[in-house]
């Protein structure tokens, strides 16, 4: 993978995180954004894009940043949303928004 491709993926992850932040900001908090069907659908799509893109990063980037657990968590959340196992528990998504996305953004924003 070229450096440009890696940087484009990192930028896309940050763009998706910032999109979620914007949606949440418009609604005041994550739980309110997830109660709104348009907000919910947009957030779920952005979360799946984040998980999919993180999974496509070179393993050396993940290893050098010690992000193996973060990568697995993001991809697991993506699978959970995409496959809708017994319905998506929006509290899990809200927790990811509030507690995981800020740390992801710190790692990937350059």
C-alpha atoms as a PDB file:
ATOM      1  CA  UNK A   1       0.000   0.000   0.000  1.00  0.00           C
ATOM      2  CA  UNK A   2       1.372   3.382  -0.880  1.00  0.00           C
ATOM      3  CA  UNK A   3       1.836   6.121   1.674  1.00  0.00           C
ATOM      4  CA  UNK A   4      -0.713   8.206  -0.196  1.00  0.00           C
ATOM      5  CA  UNK A   5      -3.276   5.462   0.030  1.00  0.00           C
ATOM      6  CA  UNK A   6      -2.655   5.104   3.760  1.00  0.00           C
ATOM      7  CA  UNK A   7      -2.953   8.845   4.305  1.00  0.00           C
ATOM      8  CA  UNK A   8      -6.178   8.910   2.282  1.00  0.00           C
ATOM      9  CA  UNK A   9      -7.617   6.156   4.461  1.00  0.00           C
ATOM     10  CA  UNK A  10      -6.592   7.961   7.645  1.00  0.00           C
ATOM     11  CA  UNK A  11      -8.147  11.181   6.351  1.00  0.00           C
ATOM     12  CA  UNK A  12     -11.353   9.323   5.485  1.00  0.00           C
ATOM     13  CA  UNK A  13     -11.574   7.871   8.998  1.00  0.00           C
ATOM     14  CA  UNK A  14     -11.180  11.345  10.491  1.00  0.00           C
ATOM     15  CA  UNK A  15     -13.765  12.722   8.034  1.00  0.00           C
ATOM     16  CA  UNK A  16     -16.291  10.076   9.123  1.00  0.00           C
ATOM     17  CA  UNK A  17     -15.605  10.802  12.805  1.00  0.00           C
ATOM     18  CA  UNK A  18     -16.089  14.525  12.181  1.00  0.00           C
ATOM     19  CA  UNK A  19     -19.347  13.799  10.347  1.00  0.00           C
ATOM     20  CA  UNK A  20     -20.605  11.896  13.370  1.00  0.00           C
ATOM     21  CA  UNK A  21     -19.482  14.747  15.639  1.00  0.00           C
ATOM     22  CA  UNK A  22     -21.412  17.213  13.471  1.00  0.00           C
ATOM     23  CA  UNK A  23     -24.585  15.093  13.607  1.00  0.00           C
ATOM     24  CA  UNK A  24     -24.290  14.703  17.370  1.00  0.00           C
ATOM     25  CA  UNK A  25     -23.658  18.441  17.759  1.00  0.00           C
ATOM     26  CA  UNK A  26     -26.831  19.281  15.840  1.00  0.00           C
ATOM     27  CA  UNK A  27     -28.840  17.083  18.196  1.00  0.00           C
ATOM     28  CA  UNK A  28     -27.093  18.156  21.385  1.00  0.00           C
ATOM     29  CA  UNK A  29     -25.890  14.694  22.399  1.00  0.00           C
ATOM     30  CA  UNK A  30     -25.330  11.221  20.959  1.00  0.00           C
ATOM     31  CA  UNK A  31     -28.493   9.680  22.417  1.00  0.00           C
ATOM     32  CA  UNK A  32     -30.676  12.353  20.800  1.00  0.00           C
ATOM     33  CA  UNK A  33     -28.936  11.931  17.448  1.00  0.00           C
ATOM     34  CA  UNK A  34     -29.567   8.182  17.615  1.00  0.00           C
ATOM     35  CA  UNK A  35     -33.258   8.742  18.445  1.00  0.00           C
ATOM     36  CA  UNK A  36     -33.681  10.676  15.190  1.00  0.00           C
ATOM     37  CA  UNK A  37     -34.024   8.188  12.321  1.00  0.00           C
ATOM     38  CA  UNK A  38     -31.989  10.307   9.901  1.00  0.00           C
ATOM     39  CA  UNK A  39     -29.268  10.855  12.481  1.00  0.00           C
ATOM     40  CA  UNK A  40     -29.295   7.190  13.408  1.00  0.00           C
ATOM     41  CA  UNK A  41     -28.975   5.987   9.819  1.00  0.00           C
ATOM     42  CA  UNK A  42     -26.192   8.469   9.036  1.00  0.00           C
ATOM     43  CA  UNK A  43     -24.259   7.573  12.183  1.00  0.00           C
ATOM     44  CA  UNK A  44     -24.606   3.839  11.598  1.00  0.00           C
ATOM     45  CA  UNK A  45     -23.358   4.220   8.025  1.00  0.00           C
ATOM     46  CA  UNK A  46     -20.395   6.333   9.133  1.00  0.00           C
ATOM     47  CA  UNK A  47     -19.541   3.803  11.860  1.00  0.00           C
ATOM     48  CA  UNK A  48     -19.553   0.971   9.326  1.00  0.00           C
ATOM     49  CA  UNK A  49     -17.307   3.002   7.035  1.00  0.00           C
ATOM     50  CA  UNK A  50     -14.875   3.647   9.892  1.00  0.00           C
ATOM     51  CA  UNK A  51     -14.700  -0.050  10.791  1.00  0.00           C
ATOM     52  CA  UNK A  52     -14.273  -1.137   7.196  1.00  0.00           C
ATOM     53  CA  UNK A  53     -11.546   1.423   6.497  1.00  0.00           C
ATOM     54  CA  UNK A  54      -9.621   0.673   9.692  1.00  0.00           C
ATOM     55  CA  UNK A  55      -9.666  -2.990   8.753  1.00  0.00           C
ATOM     56  CA  UNK A  56      -8.036  -2.120   5.413  1.00  0.00           C
ATOM     57  CA  UNK A  57      -5.068  -0.298   6.967  1.00  0.00           C
ATOM     58  CA  UNK A  58      -1.678  -1.964   6.734  1.00  0.00           C
ATOM     59  CA  UNK A  59      -0.933  -4.086   9.756  1.00  0.00           C
ATOM     60  CA  UNK A  60       2.346  -2.216  10.373  1.00  0.00           C
ATOM     61  CA  UNK A  61       0.426   1.027  10.969  1.00  0.00           C
ATOM     62  CA  UNK A  62      -1.850  -0.722  13.432  1.00  0.00           C
ATOM     63  CA  UNK A  63       1.105  -2.386  15.167  1.00  0.00           C
ATOM     64  CA  UNK A  64       3.270   0.729  15.384  1.00  0.00           C
ATOM     65  CA  UNK A  65       0.405   2.637  17.014  1.00  0.00           C
ATOM     66  CA  UNK A  66      -0.544  -0.334  19.253  1.00  0.00           C
ATOM     67  CA  UNK A  67      -4.060  -0.181  17.836  1.00  0.00           C
ATOM     68  CA  UNK A  68      -4.784  -3.879  17.380  1.00  0.00           C
ATOM     69  CA  UNK A  69      -7.583  -3.811  19.975  1.00  0.00           C
ATOM     70  CA  UNK A  70      -9.028  -0.579  18.544  1.00  0.00           C
ATOM     71  CA  UNK A  71      -8.970  -2.059  15.045  1.00  0.00           C
ATOM     72  CA  UNK A  72     -10.697  -5.231  16.177  1.00  0.00           C
ATOM     73  CA  UNK A  73     -13.296  -3.266  18.149  1.00  0.00           C
ATOM     74  CA  UNK A  74     -14.079  -0.969  15.221  1.00  0.00           C
ATOM     75  CA  UNK A  75     -14.428  -3.885  12.823  1.00  0.00           C
ATOM     76  CA  UNK A  76     -16.516  -5.877  15.301  1.00  0.00           C
ATOM     77  CA  UNK A  77     -18.869  -2.894  15.676  1.00  0.00           C
ATOM     78  CA  UNK A  78     -19.060  -2.656  11.894  1.00  0.00           C
ATOM     79  CA  UNK A  79     -20.061  -6.324  11.695  1.00  0.00           C
ATOM     80  CA  UNK A  80     -22.581  -5.888  14.496  1.00  0.00           C
ATOM     81  CA  UNK A  81     -24.256  -2.995  12.653  1.00  0.00           C
ATOM     82  CA  UNK A  82     -24.107  -4.502   9.175  1.00  0.00           C
ATOM     83  CA  UNK A  83     -25.387  -7.921  10.166  1.00  0.00           C
ATOM     84  CA  UNK A  84     -27.939  -6.534  12.649  1.00  0.00           C
ATOM     85  CA  UNK A  85     -27.590  -9.377  15.116  1.00  0.00           C
ATOM     86  CA  UNK A  86     -30.972  -9.397  16.893  1.00  0.00           C
ATOM     87  CA  UNK A  87     -31.287  -5.645  16.329  1.00  0.00           C
ATOM     88  CA  UNK A  88     -28.610  -3.052  16.931  1.00  0.00           C
ATOM     89  CA  UNK A  89     -28.401  -1.934  20.548  1.00  0.00           C
ATOM     90  CA  UNK A  90     -28.014   1.815  20.173  1.00  0.00           C
ATOM     91  CA  UNK A  91     -26.463   2.078  23.645  1.00  0.00           C
ATOM     92  CA  UNK A  92     -23.446   0.197  22.279  1.00  0.00           C
ATOM     93  CA  UNK A  93     -23.229   2.653  19.391  1.00  0.00           C
ATOM     94  CA  UNK A  94     -23.650   5.599  21.764  1.00  0.00           C
ATOM     95  CA  UNK A  95     -20.821   4.257  23.951  1.00  0.00           C
ATOM     96  CA  UNK A  96     -18.583   3.995  20.894  1.00  0.00           C
ATOM     97  CA  UNK A  97     -19.416   7.567  19.890  1.00  0.00           C
ATOM     98  CA  UNK A  98     -18.769   9.012  23.332  1.00  0.00           C
ATOM     99  CA  UNK A  99     -15.873   6.857  24.502  1.00  0.00           C
ATOM    100  CA  UNK A 100     -14.101   5.428  21.440  1.00  0.00           C
ATOM    101  CA  UNK A 101     -14.317   7.934  18.606  1.00  0.00           C
ATOM    102  CA  UNK A 102     -12.400  10.702  20.413  1.00  0.00           C
ATOM    103  CA  UNK A 103      -9.421   8.372  20.971  1.00  0.00           C
ATOM    104  CA  UNK A 104      -9.612   7.146  17.375  1.00  0.00           C
ATOM    105  CA  UNK A 105      -9.604  10.706  16.121  1.00  0.00           C
ATOM    106  CA  UNK A 106      -6.492  11.471  18.199  1.00  0.00           C
ATOM    107  CA  UNK A 107      -4.652   8.517  16.692  1.00  0.00           C
ATOM    108  CA  UNK A 108      -5.657   9.121  13.094  1.00  0.00           C
ATOM    109  CA  UNK A 109      -5.725  12.917  12.807  1.00  0.00           C
ATOM    110  CA  UNK A 110      -2.366  14.073  11.494  1.00  0.00           C
END
